[in-house]
Amino acid sequence: MNASFCPGTDSLAEQLNPVQVTQAMALIERAERIALLAHEHPDGDCLGSALGFAHILRQHGKVCVPACADPVPQSFSFLPGVETLQTTLGDEQFDLVIALDAGELSRYGALYEQHQAFLDQATIINIDHHISSSGCGQVNIIEPLAASTTELLVLFQQQAGLTLSKDAAVCLLTGLITDTGSFQYPSTSPRTMMVGATLVEAGARAETIVKPIFRTHPLAQMRFTAAAINNAQTTLNGRLIWSFATDETLRATGATDDMDTNASGMLRDIAGVQVAAFFKNYGNPAETRISLRSSEPYNVAAVCMRLGGGGHPRAAGATIHQPLDVAIPMVLAEIEREMHETDRQAGAILEAEI
């Protein structure tokens, strides 16, 4: 990996590869106008990363343009600077591009499609924490041990000696909270908690983030959740659960397609479930998006990587260029194969220990 977590050190300013930080800062120092990319179908980590790092770099004298191909979900409308987020790179007059929370340019969706010629030759710093990331920059700071990309950005800010404002801290803590499920997921490390403390010390308040994302939901979203539960089916004695939503689901519940963000996590939290799959088919009948969640030891990133996607061992996704009725059995077969192989390996290890 390009960076490593050093659990024996107390300093957040000593966590990243110093050569990479120096290389990245050299590119930042030379740049006047910087584009910061959040991936398509945005979540709290990519939005918090793009907006938070933009706040930091503006204080360093840079002109920053955060951009995302898709609209910001309503639950993230509280983010400071969200009104500056663009859906295009406009005239492409940028000295530097910082690609955040994804390691492949294709993950930036319509931004990449509209500006492919520019992005293919642009100077790029790529900062990401997904295990499936291959890196798309001249400098790639990729560390799967980090709980979120915003965690890496705080480490970068500390190591580079950049100023951390309250607005930046709110954005960065949003990414940390959403990607750890409010510090509940196994990716939460002692360092993650130290990063969180640093952001709170800078003025961010967890309650202002947790309430709009996890506790306050429109009635239409709750109806959507009820529909997802009603559509749920299980196999493998309840260990694997799946559900789906279509344009008809949105019409029937009054929901919008950004209200499905935690459907797979909600399914995974049902008693006895070890892997959950949520299938989304909106707009294009021939395209199905999947969101997978799992409990240890099952690796859903491995499943999604075989399907052209990626993510984390416990949370991953992919886009399948097939209609729903084809995508569902195909993906379920891959999940079952992964679960059976994991169970087989675990059984072999147990036998060897006995």
Protein backbone atom coordinates (compact mmCIF):
# COMPACT_ATOMS: atom_id res chain seq x y z
CA MET A 1 0.00 0.00 0.00
CA ASN A 2 1.05 3.60 -0.54
CA ALA A 3 0.57 4.66 3.06
CA SER A 4 0.46 2.79 6.34
CA PHE A 5 -1.16 3.09 9.75
CA CYS A 6 1.47 3.26 12.51
CA PRO A 7 -0.43 2.18 15.63
CA GLY A 8 2.52 2.78 17.92
CA THR A 9 2.70 6.53 17.39
CA ASP A 10 0.65 9.20 19.14
CA SER A 11 1.09 11.86 16.48
CA LEU A 12 -1.41 12.30 13.65
CA ALA A 13 1.35 14.22 11.85
CA GLU A 14 3.43 11.05 11.42
CA GLN A 15 0.98 8.67 9.78
CA LEU A 16 1.30 9.12 6.01
CA ASN A 17 4.22 8.40 3.73
CA PRO A 18 6.26 11.64 4.01
CA VAL A 19 7.48 11.38 0.43
CA GLN A 20 3.94 11.30 -0.88
CA VAL A 21 2.86 14.20 1.31
CA THR A 22 5.83 16.25 0.06
CA GLN A 23 5.05 15.36 -3.56
CA ALA A 24 1.38 16.26 -3.14
CA MET A 25 2.17 19.56 -1.41
CA ALA A 26 4.60 20.46 -4.20
CA LEU A 27 1.76 20.05 -6.72
CA ILE A 28 -0.62 22.04 -4.52
CA GLU A 29 1.87 24.86 -4.01
CA ARG A 30 2.35 25.26 -7.78
CA ALA A 31 -1.38 25.29 -8.48
CA GLU A 32 -3.61 28.34 -8.39
CA ARG A 33 -6.94 26.79 -9.41
CA ILE A 34 -7.82 23.31 -8.14
CA ALA A 35 -10.76 21.00 -8.95
CA LEU A 36 -11.79 18.57 -6.20
CA LEU A 37 -13.80 15.59 -7.45
CA ALA A 38 -16.45 13.67 -5.50
CA HIS A 39 -17.57 10.38 -7.05
CA GLU A 40 -20.98 9.76 -8.63
CA HIS A 41 -23.90 8.74 -6.39
CA PRO A 42 -22.32 10.80 -3.61
CA ASP A 43 -22.16 9.79 0.04
CA GLY A 44 -20.98 11.56 3.16
CA ASP A 45 -17.34 10.63 2.72
CA CYS A 46 -16.85 11.87 -0.84
CA LEU A 47 -18.89 15.05 -0.21
CA GLY A 48 -17.18 15.72 3.11
CA SER A 49 -13.80 15.12 1.49
CA ALA A 50 -14.33 17.45 -1.48
CA LEU A 51 -15.92 20.26 0.51
CA GLY A 52 -13.68 19.88 3.56
CA PHE A 53 -10.42 19.82 1.62
CA ALA A 54 -11.65 22.78 -0.45
CA HIS A 55 -12.10 24.78 2.79
CA ILE A 56 -8.56 23.85 3.87
CA LEU A 57 -6.95 24.73 0.55
CA ARG A 58 -8.83 28.04 0.24
CA GLN A 59 -7.25 29.08 3.53
CA HIS A 60 -3.95 28.20 1.89
CA GLY A 61 -4.70 30.76 -0.85
CA LYS A 62 -6.04 28.43 -3.54
CA VAL A 63 -9.09 28.84 -5.76
CA CYS A 64 -11.04 25.61 -5.25
CA VAL A 65 -13.94 24.17 -7.24
CA PRO A 66 -15.53 21.05 -5.70
CA ALA A 67 -17.51 19.04 -8.25
CA CYS A 68 -19.81 16.02 -8.35
CA ALA A 69 -21.78 14.63 -11.27
CA ASP A 70 -24.91 13.97 -9.22
CA PRO A 71 -27.06 16.17 -6.97
CA VAL A 72 -26.35 16.29 -3.24
CA PRO A 73 -28.83 14.21 -1.18
CA GLN A 74 -31.07 16.37 1.00
CA SER A 75 -29.65 14.84 4.19
CA PHE A 76 -26.28 16.48 3.42
CA SER A 77 -27.63 19.95 2.72
CA PHE A 78 -26.23 21.17 6.06
CA LEU A 79 -22.61 20.83 4.87
CA PRO A 80 -20.79 24.19 4.88
CA GLY A 81 -20.03 25.20 1.29
CA VAL A 82 -22.43 22.72 -0.30
CA GLU A 83 -23.77 25.53 -2.49
CA THR A 84 -20.32 25.79 -4.17
CA LEU A 85 -20.48 22.20 -5.48
CA GLN A 86 -20.66 22.13 -9.28
CA THR A 87 -21.89 19.37 -11.59
CA THR A 88 -19.40 20.27 -14.33
CA LEU A 89 -15.78 21.41 -14.63
CA GLY A 90 -16.81 24.24 -16.91
CA ASP A 91 -13.93 25.70 -18.91
CA GLU A 92 -11.46 23.10 -17.50
CA GLN A 93 -9.03 25.84 -16.50
CA PHE A 94 -7.44 23.97 -13.61
CA ASP A 95 -3.79 23.52 -12.67
CA LEU A 96 -4.50 20.49 -10.51
CA VAL A 97 -7.23 17.91 -9.93
CA ILE A 98 -7.68 16.17 -6.57
CA ALA A 99 -9.73 12.98 -7.00
CA LEU A 100 -11.30 11.88 -3.72
CA ASP A 101 -12.80 8.66 -2.34
CA ALA A 102 -12.40 6.64 -5.56
CA GLY A 103 -9.32 5.32 -7.32
CA GLU A 104 -10.63 5.12 -10.90
CA LEU A 105 -11.66 8.09 -13.02
CA SER A 106 -14.71 6.22 -14.29
CA ARG A 107 -16.14 6.37 -10.74
CA TYR A 108 -16.65 10.10 -11.19
CA GLY A 109 -19.45 9.35 -13.64
CA ALA A 110 -20.65 12.13 -15.93
CA LEU A 111 -17.80 14.40 -14.81
CA TYR A 112 -15.37 11.99 -16.41
CA GLU A 113 -17.57 11.37 -19.44
CA GLN A 114 -17.92 15.12 -20.11
CA HIS A 115 -14.28 15.99 -19.42
CA GLN A 116 -12.45 12.78 -20.34
CA ALA A 117 -9.84 14.39 -22.61
CA PHE A 118 -8.95 16.93 -19.92
CA LEU A 119 -8.90 14.46 -17.02
CA ASP A 120 -6.87 11.87 -18.91
CA GLN A 121 -4.01 14.36 -19.22
CA ALA A 122 -4.53 16.38 -16.01
CA THR A 123 -2.16 16.43 -13.06
CA ILE A 124 -4.02 14.46 -10.39
CA ILE A 125 -3.60 13.76 -6.70
CA ASN A 126 -5.70 10.73 -5.74
CA ILE A 127 -6.64 10.22 -2.08
CA ASP A 128 -8.77 7.19 -1.22
CA HIS A 129 -9.26 4.40 1.32
CA HIS A 130 -10.97 1.67 -0.74
CA ILE A 131 -9.19 -1.67 -0.93
CA SER A 132 -10.18 -1.99 -4.61
CA SER A 133 -8.56 1.31 -5.66
CA SER A 134 -5.84 1.13 -8.30
CA GLY A 135 -4.96 4.85 -8.16
CA CYS A 136 -5.56 7.40 -10.90
CA GLY A 137 -3.04 10.10 -10.07
CA GLN A 138 0.57 11.11 -10.33
CA VAL A 139 0.48 10.93 -6.53
CA ASN A 140 -1.75 8.22 -5.02
CA ILE A 141 -2.36 8.27 -1.27
CA ILE A 142 -4.40 5.10 -0.81
CA GLU A 143 -4.77 3.41 2.55
CA PRO A 144 -7.50 0.79 3.07
CA LEU A 145 -6.83 0.74 6.82
CA ALA A 146 -8.29 4.25 7.09
CA ALA A 147 -11.96 4.32 8.12
CA SER A 148 -12.72 7.06 5.59
CA THR A 149 -11.08 9.29 3.04
CA THR A 150 -11.74 12.21 5.37
CA GLU A 151 -9.56 10.45 7.96
CA LEU A 152 -6.70 10.52 5.47
CA LEU A 153 -7.33 14.21 4.73
CA VAL A 154 -7.02 15.09 8.41
CA LEU A 155 -3.74 13.16 8.55
CA PHE A 156 -2.60 15.06 5.45
CA GLN A 157 -3.65 18.41 6.98
CA GLN A 158 -1.78 17.63 10.18
CA GLN A 159 1.36 16.41 8.43
CA ALA A 160 1.45 19.31 5.96
CA GLY A 161 0.78 21.90 8.66
CA LEU A 162 -2.35 23.27 6.97
CA THR A 163 -5.04 25.23 8.85
CA LEU A 164 -8.17 23.38 9.96
CA SER A 165 -11.24 25.64 10.20
CA LYS A 166 -14.58 24.82 11.82
CA ASP A 167 -16.29 24.56 8.40
CA ALA A 168 -13.62 22.13 7.19
CA ALA A 169 -13.94 20.12 10.41
CA VAL A 170 -17.74 19.77 10.02
CA CYS A 171 -17.33 18.42 6.48
CA LEU A 172 -14.52 16.04 7.41
CA LEU A 173 -16.30 14.73 10.51
CA THR A 174 -19.34 14.02 8.32
CA GLY A 175 -17.28 11.63 6.22
CA LEU A 176 -15.83 9.98 9.30
CA ILE A 177 -19.25 9.51 10.94
CA THR A 178 -21.00 8.19 7.82
CA ASP A 179 -18.29 5.71 6.86
CA THR A 180 -18.00 4.34 10.40
CA GLY A 181 -21.74 4.33 11.16
CA SER A 182 -21.10 6.77 14.01
CA PHE A 183 -17.94 4.86 15.03
CA GLN A 184 -19.71 1.47 15.16
CA TYR A 185 -18.03 -0.38 12.28
CA PRO A 186 -14.90 -2.56 12.61
CA SER A 187 -12.91 -0.03 10.54
CA THR A 188 -12.99 2.33 13.55
CA SER A 189 -9.47 2.33 14.99
CA PRO A 190 -7.81 4.23 17.85
CA ARG A 191 -6.47 6.58 15.18
CA THR A 192 -9.98 7.13 13.83
CA MET A 193 -11.08 8.27 17.29
CA MET A 194 -8.06 10.59 17.53
CA VAL A 195 -8.99 12.11 14.17
CA GLY A 196 -12.56 12.56 15.39
CA ALA A 197 -11.31 14.29 18.54
CA THR A 198 -9.19 16.63 16.43
CA LEU A 199 -12.24 17.61 14.37
CA VAL A 200 -14.40 18.17 17.44
CA GLU A 201 -11.64 20.29 18.95
CA ALA A 202 -11.69 22.38 15.74
CA GLY A 203 -15.38 23.14 16.30
CA ALA A 204 -17.37 20.32 14.66
CA ARG A 205 -20.30 18.90 16.65
CA ALA A 206 -21.32 15.30 16.07
CA GLU A 207 -24.99 15.97 16.89
CA THR A 208 -25.41 18.44 14.01
CA ILE A 209 -24.20 15.69 11.65
CA VAL A 210 -25.86 12.62 13.14
CA LYS A 211 -29.34 14.12 13.43
CA PRO A 212 -30.01 14.96 9.73
CA ILE A 213 -28.30 11.80 8.45
CA PHE A 214 -29.35 9.08 10.89
CA ARG A 215 -32.27 10.35 12.97
CA THR A 216 -34.43 12.76 10.96
CA HIS A 217 -36.01 11.32 7.80
CA PRO A 218 -38.83 12.46 5.51
CA LEU A 219 -42.02 10.38 5.62
CA ALA A 220 -41.42 9.34 2.00
CA GLN A 221 -38.06 7.84 2.98
CA MET A 222 -39.65 5.83 5.79
CA ARG A 223 -42.25 4.56 3.32
CA PHE A 224 -39.43 3.60 0.97
CA THR A 225 -37.73 1.70 3.80
CA ALA A 226 -40.98 -0.13 4.53
CA ALA A 227 -41.26 -1.10 0.85
CA ALA A 228 -37.68 -2.38 0.85
CA ILE A 229 -38.41 -4.56 3.87
CA ASN A 230 -41.65 -5.78 2.29
CA ASN A 231 -39.73 -6.82 -0.85
CA ALA A 232 -37.03 -8.66 1.13
CA GLN A 233 -36.31 -12.35 0.62
CA THR A 234 -33.79 -14.66 2.28
CA THR A 235 -31.81 -17.78 1.53
CA LEU A 236 -29.09 -19.85 3.20
CA ASN A 237 -31.26 -20.16 6.33
CA GLY A 238 -31.63 -16.40 6.61
CA ARG A 239 -27.90 -15.67 6.36
CA LEU A 240 -28.30 -13.96 2.96
CA ILE A 241 -31.02 -11.36 2.44
CA TRP A 242 -31.86 -9.24 -0.57
CA SER A 243 -34.38 -6.68 -1.68
CA PHE A 244 -34.92 -4.28 -4.59
CA ALA A 245 -36.44 -0.96 -5.64
CA THR A 246 -37.57 0.33 -9.03
CA ASP A 247 -39.09 3.47 -10.46
CA GLU A 248 -42.45 2.08 -9.38
CA THR A 249 -41.18 1.88 -5.78
CA LEU A 250 -40.23 5.56 -5.92
CA ARG A 251 -43.63 6.52 -7.35
CA ALA A 252 -45.57 4.47 -4.81
CA THR A 253 -43.70 5.86 -1.81
CA GLY A 254 -43.08 9.41 -3.04
CA ALA A 255 -39.36 8.90 -2.46
CA THR A 256 -36.43 10.14 -4.54
CA ASP A 257 -33.54 7.92 -5.57
CA ASP A 258 -31.18 9.49 -3.01
CA MET A 259 -33.33 8.12 -0.17
CA ASP A 260 -32.07 4.54 -0.60
CA THR A 261 -28.60 5.16 0.83
CA ASN A 262 -28.85 2.90 3.88
CA ALA A 263 -31.15 0.18 2.52
CA SER A 264 -28.48 -2.51 2.42
CA GLY A 265 -27.20 -1.57 5.87
CA MET A 266 -30.72 -1.75 7.27
CA LEU A 267 -31.16 -5.23 5.78
CA ARG A 268 -27.79 -6.37 7.13
CA ASP A 269 -28.88 -5.38 10.66
CA ILE A 270 -31.76 -7.89 10.66
CA ALA A 271 -31.12 -10.72 13.13
CA GLY A 272 -29.34 -13.72 11.59
CA VAL A 273 -28.24 -11.90 8.43
CA GLN A 274 -24.58 -12.10 7.46
CA VAL A 275 -24.75 -10.64 3.93
CA ALA A 276 -27.31 -8.19 2.54
CA ALA A 277 -27.84 -7.12 -1.07
CA PHE A 278 -29.95 -4.23 -2.31
CA PHE A 279 -30.74 -3.92 -6.03
CA LYS A 280 -31.69 -0.54 -7.56
CA ASN A 281 -33.16 -0.18 -11.03
CA TYR A 282 -34.07 3.43 -11.82
CA GLY A 283 -34.45 5.18 -15.16
CA ASN A 284 -32.61 2.67 -17.33
CA PRO A 285 -34.28 -0.79 -17.39
CA ALA A 286 -31.05 -2.36 -18.64
CA GLU A 287 -28.89 -1.12 -15.74
CA THR A 288 -29.00 -2.33 -12.14
CA ARG A 289 -26.93 -0.92 -9.30
CA ILE A 290 -26.14 -3.11 -6.32
CA SER A 291 -25.17 -2.28 -2.76
CA LEU A 292 -23.77 -5.06 -0.56
CA ARG A 293 -23.13 -5.16 3.20
CA SER A 294 -21.70 -8.00 5.26
CA SER A 295 -20.53 -9.11 8.66
CA GLU A 296 -17.19 -10.79 9.25
CA PRO A 297 -15.72 -12.87 7.71
CA TYR A 298 -17.55 -12.34 4.42
CA ASN A 299 -15.84 -10.12 1.84
CA VAL A 300 -18.37 -8.37 -0.38
CA ALA A 301 -15.64 -6.26 -2.02
CA ALA A 302 -14.36 -9.46 -3.63
CA VAL A 303 -17.83 -10.10 -5.05
CA CYS A 304 -18.19 -6.57 -6.41
CA MET A 305 -14.71 -6.53 -7.92
CA ARG A 306 -15.63 -9.63 -9.94
CA LEU A 307 -18.68 -7.71 -11.15
CA GLY A 308 -16.70 -4.62 -12.16
CA GLY A 309 -17.24 -2.64 -8.95
CA GLY A 310 -15.40 -2.38 -5.66
CA GLY A 311 -15.42 -1.06 -2.13
CA HIS A 312 -14.61 -2.44 1.30
CA PRO A 313 -14.74 -6.01 2.62
CA ARG A 314 -17.91 -5.17 4.59
CA ALA A 315 -19.46 -2.57 2.23
CA ALA A 316 -19.22 -2.55 -1.56
CA GLY A 317 -21.15 -1.86 -4.73
CA ALA A 318 -21.23 -2.26 -8.49
CA THR A 319 -23.24 -1.41 -11.58
CA ILE A 320 -24.55 -4.37 -13.59
CA HIS A 321 -25.49 -3.69 -17.20
CA GLN A 322 -28.42 -6.07 -17.03
CA PRO A 323 -32.12 -5.73 -16.17
CA LEU A 324 -33.21 -6.48 -12.62
CA ASP A 325 -34.51 -9.98 -13.35
CA VAL A 326 -31.13 -10.99 -14.77
CA ALA A 327 -28.94 -9.09 -12.30
CA ILE A 328 -30.55 -10.48 -9.14
CA PRO A 329 -29.88 -14.23 -9.71
CA MET A 330 -26.45 -13.50 -11.19
CA VAL A 331 -25.31 -11.46 -8.18
CA LEU A 332 -26.89 -13.83 -5.65
CA ALA A 333 -24.98 -16.71 -7.23
CA GLU A 334 -21.71 -14.78 -6.81
CA ILE A 335 -22.52 -13.95 -3.19
CA GLU A 336 -23.39 -17.55 -2.38
CA ARG A 337 -20.18 -18.73 -4.04
CA GLU A 338 -18.16 -16.29 -1.93
CA MET A 339 -19.94 -17.31 1.27
CA HIS A 340 -19.52 -21.05 0.59
CA GLU A 341 -15.81 -20.59 -0.16
CA THR A 342 -15.31 -18.53 2.99
CA ASP A 343 -17.12 -21.17 5.03
CA ARG A 344 -15.02 -23.91 3.43
CA GLN A 345 -11.77 -22.10 4.25
CA ALA A 346 -12.88 -21.48 7.81
CA GLY A 347 -13.75 -25.16 8.19
CA ALA A 348 -10.36 -26.21 6.83
CA ILE A 349 -8.59 -23.91 9.30
CA LEU A 350 -10.64 -25.29 12.17
CA GLU A 351 -9.82 -28.87 11.18
CA ALA A 352 -6.11 -28.03 10.95
CA GLU A 353 -6.17 -26.48 14.43
CA ILE A 354 -7.91 -29.55 15.86
